[in-house]
Every structure is written in structure tokens, then in C-alpha cells.
C-alpha atoms as a PDB file:
ATOM      1  CA  MET A   1     -16.184 -18.079  33.170  1.00  0.00           C
ATOM      2  CA  ALA A   2     -17.546 -15.533  35.659  1.00  0.00           C
ATOM      3  CA  VAL A   3     -18.779 -16.438  39.112  1.00  0.00           C
ATOM      4  CA  ASP A   4     -22.577 -16.729  39.044  1.00  0.00           C
ATOM      5  CA  LEU A   5     -23.643 -15.588  42.506  1.00  0.00           C
ATOM      6  CA  THR A   6     -27.220 -16.760  41.870  1.00  0.00           C
ATOM      7  CA  LYS A   7     -26.193 -20.402  41.329  1.00  0.00           C
ATOM      8  CA  PRO A   8     -26.302 -22.422  44.531  1.00  0.00           C
ATOM      9  CA  VAL A   9     -23.110 -23.473  46.286  1.00  0.00           C
ATOM     10  CA  LEU A  10     -22.892 -26.804  48.112  1.00  0.00           C
ATOM     11  CA  VAL A  11     -20.757 -26.840  51.267  1.00  0.00           C
ATOM     12  CA  VAL A  12     -19.830 -30.343  52.426  1.00  0.00           C
ATOM     13  CA  ASP A  13     -18.422 -30.770  55.935  1.00  0.00           C
ATOM     14  CA  ASP A  14     -19.157 -33.063  58.869  1.00  0.00           C
ATOM     15  CA  TYR A  15     -18.497 -30.256  61.347  1.00  0.00           C
ATOM     16  CA  ASN A  16     -21.557 -28.008  61.837  1.00  0.00           C
ATOM     17  CA  THR A  17     -19.470 -25.061  63.040  1.00  0.00           C
ATOM     18  CA  MET A  18     -17.450 -25.146  59.815  1.00  0.00           C
ATOM     19  CA  ILE A  19     -20.667 -25.265  57.767  1.00  0.00           C
ATOM     20  CA  ARG A  20     -21.928 -22.147  59.609  1.00  0.00           C
ATOM     21  CA  ILE A  21     -18.608 -20.358  59.039  1.00  0.00           C
ATOM     22  CA  MET A  22     -18.677 -21.235  55.314  1.00  0.00           C
ATOM     23  CA  HIS A  23     -22.311 -20.075  55.015  1.00  0.00           C
ATOM     24  CA  ASN A  24     -21.379 -16.722  56.561  1.00  0.00           C
ATOM     25  CA  LEU A  25     -18.255 -16.276  54.408  1.00  0.00           C
ATOM     26  CA  LEU A  26     -20.109 -17.153  51.188  1.00  0.00           C
ATOM     27  CA  LYS A  27     -22.975 -14.777  52.055  1.00  0.00           C
ATOM     28  CA  GLN A  28     -20.371 -12.020  52.686  1.00  0.00           C
ATOM     29  CA  LEU A  29     -18.980 -12.731  49.225  1.00  0.00           C
ATOM     30  CA  GLY A  30     -22.449 -12.305  47.700  1.00  0.00           C
ATOM     31  CA  PHE A  31     -23.589 -15.878  47.119  1.00  0.00           C
ATOM     32  CA  GLU A  32     -27.369 -16.000  47.402  1.00  0.00           C
ATOM     33  CA  HIS A  33     -27.978 -19.742  47.832  1.00  0.00           C
ATOM     34  CA  VAL A  34     -25.804 -21.947  50.020  1.00  0.00           C
ATOM     35  CA  ASP A  35     -26.781 -25.554  50.755  1.00  0.00           C
ATOM     36  CA  ASP A  36     -24.905 -28.004  52.914  1.00  0.00           C
ATOM     37  CA  ALA A  37     -24.300 -31.717  53.348  1.00  0.00           C
ATOM     38  CA  ASN A  38     -22.519 -33.515  56.181  1.00  0.00           C
ATOM     39  CA  ASP A  39     -20.745 -36.144  54.067  1.00  0.00           C
ATOM     40  CA  GLY A  40     -20.028 -37.113  50.474  1.00  0.00           C
ATOM     41  CA  SER A  41     -22.990 -39.479  50.131  1.00  0.00           C
ATOM     42  CA  THR A  42     -25.492 -36.813  51.140  1.00  0.00           C
ATOM     43  CA  ALA A  43     -23.708 -34.355  48.855  1.00  0.00           C
ATOM     44  CA  LEU A  44     -24.043 -36.694  45.853  1.00  0.00           C
ATOM     45  CA  THR A  45     -27.790 -36.997  46.447  1.00  0.00           C
ATOM     46  CA  LYS A  46     -28.116 -33.200  46.557  1.00  0.00           C
ATOM     47  CA  LEU A  47     -25.856 -32.745  43.506  1.00  0.00           C
ATOM     48  CA  ARG A  48     -28.081 -35.046  41.471  1.00  0.00           C
ATOM     49  CA  ALA A  49     -31.205 -33.121  42.526  1.00  0.00           C
ATOM     50  CA  ARG A  50     -30.094 -29.502  41.966  1.00  0.00           C
ATOM     51  CA  ASP A  51     -27.849 -27.579  39.567  1.00  0.00           C
ATOM     52  CA  TYR A  52     -24.904 -26.333  41.659  1.00  0.00           C
ATOM     53  CA  GLY A  53     -22.349 -23.796  40.491  1.00  0.00           C
ATOM     54  CA  LEU A  54     -19.648 -24.750  43.001  1.00  0.00           C
ATOM     55  CA  VAL A  55     -18.844 -27.426  45.582  1.00  0.00           C
ATOM     56  CA  ILE A  56     -16.656 -26.640  48.591  1.00  0.00           C
ATOM     57  CA  SER A  57     -15.868 -29.813  50.495  1.00  0.00           C
ATOM     58  CA  ASP A  58     -13.834 -30.891  53.482  1.00  0.00           C
ATOM     59  CA  TRP A  59     -11.462 -33.804  52.839  1.00  0.00           C
ATOM     60  CA  ASN A  60     -11.895 -35.798  56.068  1.00  0.00           C
ATOM     61  CA  MET A  61     -15.446 -37.061  56.570  1.00  0.00           C
ATOM     62  CA  GLU A  62     -17.149 -40.386  57.194  1.00  0.00           C
ATOM     63  CA  PRO A  63     -18.531 -42.502  55.654  1.00  0.00           C
ATOM     64  CA  MET A  64     -17.647 -40.841  52.315  1.00  0.00           C
ATOM     65  CA  THR A  65     -14.673 -38.473  52.240  1.00  0.00           C
ATOM     66  CA  GLY A  66     -14.400 -35.302  50.212  1.00  0.00           C
ATOM     67  CA  PHE A  67     -11.754 -37.013  48.097  1.00  0.00           C
ATOM     68  CA  ALA A  68     -14.146 -39.884  47.291  1.00  0.00           C
ATOM     69  CA  LEU A  69     -16.847 -37.300  46.503  1.00  0.00           C
ATOM     70  CA  LEU A  70     -14.464 -35.553  44.108  1.00  0.00           C
ATOM     71  CA  GLN A  71     -13.674 -38.856  42.378  1.00  0.00           C
ATOM     72  CA  GLU A  72     -17.384 -39.716  42.073  1.00  0.00           C
ATOM     73  CA  MET A  73     -18.206 -36.284  40.665  1.00  0.00           C
ATOM     74  CA  ARG A  74     -15.405 -36.372  38.088  1.00  0.00           C
ATOM     75  CA  SER A  75     -16.491 -39.837  36.896  1.00  0.00           C
ATOM     76  CA  ASP A  76     -20.145 -38.756  36.481  1.00  0.00           C
ATOM     77  CA  PRO A  77     -20.669 -36.823  33.211  1.00  0.00           C
ATOM     78  CA  SER A  78     -23.563 -34.840  34.706  1.00  0.00           C
ATOM     79  CA  LEU A  79     -21.395 -33.626  37.632  1.00  0.00           C
ATOM     80  CA  ALA A  80     -17.890 -33.640  36.151  1.00  0.00           C
ATOM     81  CA  GLU A  81     -17.820 -29.969  35.144  1.00  0.00           C
ATOM     82  CA  ILE A  82     -18.882 -28.505  38.507  1.00  0.00           C
ATOM     83  CA  PRO A  83     -15.977 -26.586  40.089  1.00  0.00           C
ATOM     84  CA  PHE A  84     -14.738 -28.281  43.269  1.00  0.00           C
ATOM     85  CA  ILE A  85     -12.687 -26.643  46.034  1.00  0.00           C
ATOM     86  CA  MET A  86     -11.184 -29.013  48.606  1.00  0.00           C
ATOM     87  CA  VAL A  87     -10.777 -27.753  52.163  1.00  0.00           C
ATOM     88  CA  THR A  88      -8.501 -29.551  54.602  1.00  0.00           C
ATOM     89  CA  ALA A  89      -6.455 -29.058  57.737  1.00  0.00           C
ATOM     90  CA  GLU A  90      -3.666 -31.110  56.163  1.00  0.00           C
ATOM     91  CA  SER A  91      -1.230 -29.566  53.706  1.00  0.00           C
ATOM     92  CA  LYS A  92       0.552 -32.820  52.864  1.00  0.00           C
ATOM     93  CA  THR A  93       2.085 -32.618  49.416  1.00  0.00           C
ATOM     94  CA  GLU A  94       0.815 -36.087  48.490  1.00  0.00           C
ATOM     95  CA  ASN A  95      -2.774 -35.040  49.314  1.00  0.00           C
ATOM     96  CA  VAL A  96      -2.512 -31.937  47.139  1.00  0.00           C
ATOM     97  CA  ILE A  97      -1.067 -34.020  44.282  1.00  0.00           C
ATOM     98  CA  ALA A  98      -3.773 -36.690  44.671  1.00  0.00           C
ATOM     99  CA  ALA A  99      -6.507 -34.040  44.650  1.00  0.00           C
ATOM    100  CA  LYS A 100      -5.019 -32.363  41.550  1.00  0.00           C
ATOM    101  CA  LYS A 101      -4.836 -35.720  39.735  1.00  0.00           C
ATOM    102  CA  ALA A 102      -8.469 -36.393  40.695  1.00  0.00           C
ATOM    103  CA  GLY A 103      -9.526 -33.081  39.135  1.00  0.00           C
ATOM    104  CA  VAL A 104      -9.865 -30.663  42.044  1.00  0.00           C
ATOM    105  CA  SER A 105     -10.356 -27.047  40.944  1.00  0.00           C
ATOM    106  CA  ASN A 106      -8.575 -25.532  43.933  1.00  0.00           C
ATOM    107  CA  TYR A 107      -7.353 -26.371  47.429  1.00  0.00           C
ATOM    108  CA  ILE A 108      -7.642 -24.443  50.725  1.00  0.00           C
ATOM    109  CA  VAL A 109      -5.752 -25.298  53.903  1.00  0.00           C
ATOM    110  CA  LYS A 110      -7.465 -24.461  57.208  1.00  0.00           C
ATOM    111  CA  PRO A 111      -7.504 -22.014  58.862  1.00  0.00           C
ATOM    112  CA  PHE A 112      -8.429 -19.432  56.239  1.00  0.00           C
ATOM    113  CA  ASN A 113     -10.348 -16.168  56.012  1.00  0.00           C
ATOM    114  CA  ALA A 114     -12.902 -14.590  53.675  1.00  0.00           C
ATOM    115  CA  GLN A 115     -10.201 -13.057  51.468  1.00  0.00           C
ATOM    116  CA  THR A 116      -8.466 -16.413  50.992  1.00  0.00           C
ATOM    117  CA  LEU A 117     -11.797 -18.036  50.096  1.00  0.00           C
ATOM    118  CA  LYS A 118     -12.572 -15.215  47.650  1.00  0.00           C
ATOM    119  CA  ASN A 119      -9.139 -15.529  46.033  1.00  0.00           C
ATOM    120  CA  LYS A 120      -9.544 -19.300  45.609  1.00  0.00           C
ATOM    121  CA  ILE A 121     -13.050 -18.923  44.129  1.00  0.00           C
ATOM    122  CA  ASP A 122     -11.852 -16.150  41.791  1.00  0.00           C
ATOM    123  CA  ALA A 123      -8.952 -18.356  40.657  1.00  0.00           C
ATOM    124  CA  VAL A 124     -11.361 -21.217  39.885  1.00  0.00           C
ATOM    125  CA  PHE A 125     -13.522 -18.959  37.734  1.00  0.00           C
ATOM    126  CA  GLY A 126     -10.589 -17.205  36.088  1.00  0.00           C
ATOM    127  CA  GLU A 127     -11.187 -13.840  37.666  1.00  0.00           C
ATOM    128  CA  VAL A 128      -8.073 -12.070  38.801  1.00  0.00           C
ATOM    129  CA  GLU A 129      -8.349  -8.862  40.763  1.00  0.00           C
ATOM    130  CA  ALA A 130      -6.754  -5.960  38.898  1.00  0.00           C
ATOM    131  CA  SER A 131      -5.326  -4.730  42.199  1.00  0.00           C
ATOM    132  CA  ALA A 132      -3.794  -8.091  43.077  1.00  0.00           C
ATOM    133  CA  PRO A 133      -0.011  -8.132  42.914  1.00  0.00           C
ATOM    134  CA  ALA A 134       1.548 -10.460  40.357  1.00  0.00           C
ATOM    135  CA  ALA A 135       2.713 -13.720  41.895  1.00  0.00           C
END
């Protein structure tokens, strides 16, 4: 499945600076429409109102965490297929395992740059750069 740059992306983070950074990175990568939400509850409302192509969410937020948002999305048939990238400052193995079990599409540990974000998005959509070295 190719990345559809015209489909809106929803960035979910309770930190406005991080939202601005993500907006800028996604625009650099060619995404035309980037929306944001400051917690999982707001994100769910937006997800039910618009057809998103990708969700990029922070883990730690109140009152609804990114992990709870992921669980809600995966249990809702209308949202279950939307790719979900979790962003967190914590690289605890148990968090990565929990997110994988809950159906996360990919996982990014802060800090990261535009290339890391692009690589994670490409991996979600099955696009591998021809110039990328084999892992």
C-alpha cells in the first residue's frame, strides 16, 4: 500500500511544540493535510469525523493516553485499519511489546529527525528505499 500524501494525517500530542515539529516534518515529507489533537479523546472525535490515512500519537497524555487511543481504534471496526505510529520518549521493552500486541503499526523513540520519521512511515506502508542498505 503506497503512502497517499493527499490523505490527512492526525498528530496527537499534548505538547504544542511537538505538534509544530511534527507538522513541519510531515510537510517536508510532502503530506498536504495535517490535523492535530491534544489527547486521545479529542483524537477519537476527529477520527470519527474525517477519513485519516495515518495517526501519529504520543504515548504519554492525559486524560486519554496514546496507548488507550490505539486500543480504542483497534477495537472500532471503522478505525481499526488506520495505520498508527506511536511516539514516545521511553524505549522500555515492555512498552514496545504492549504496543505491538495492541496493534501499533510502528514505534518511534524521541528524539528523532525527518529521515527517521520518513523511514518509519515508509515501513508502515511497505515502501523500502532502493538505496537503503539491507538490515
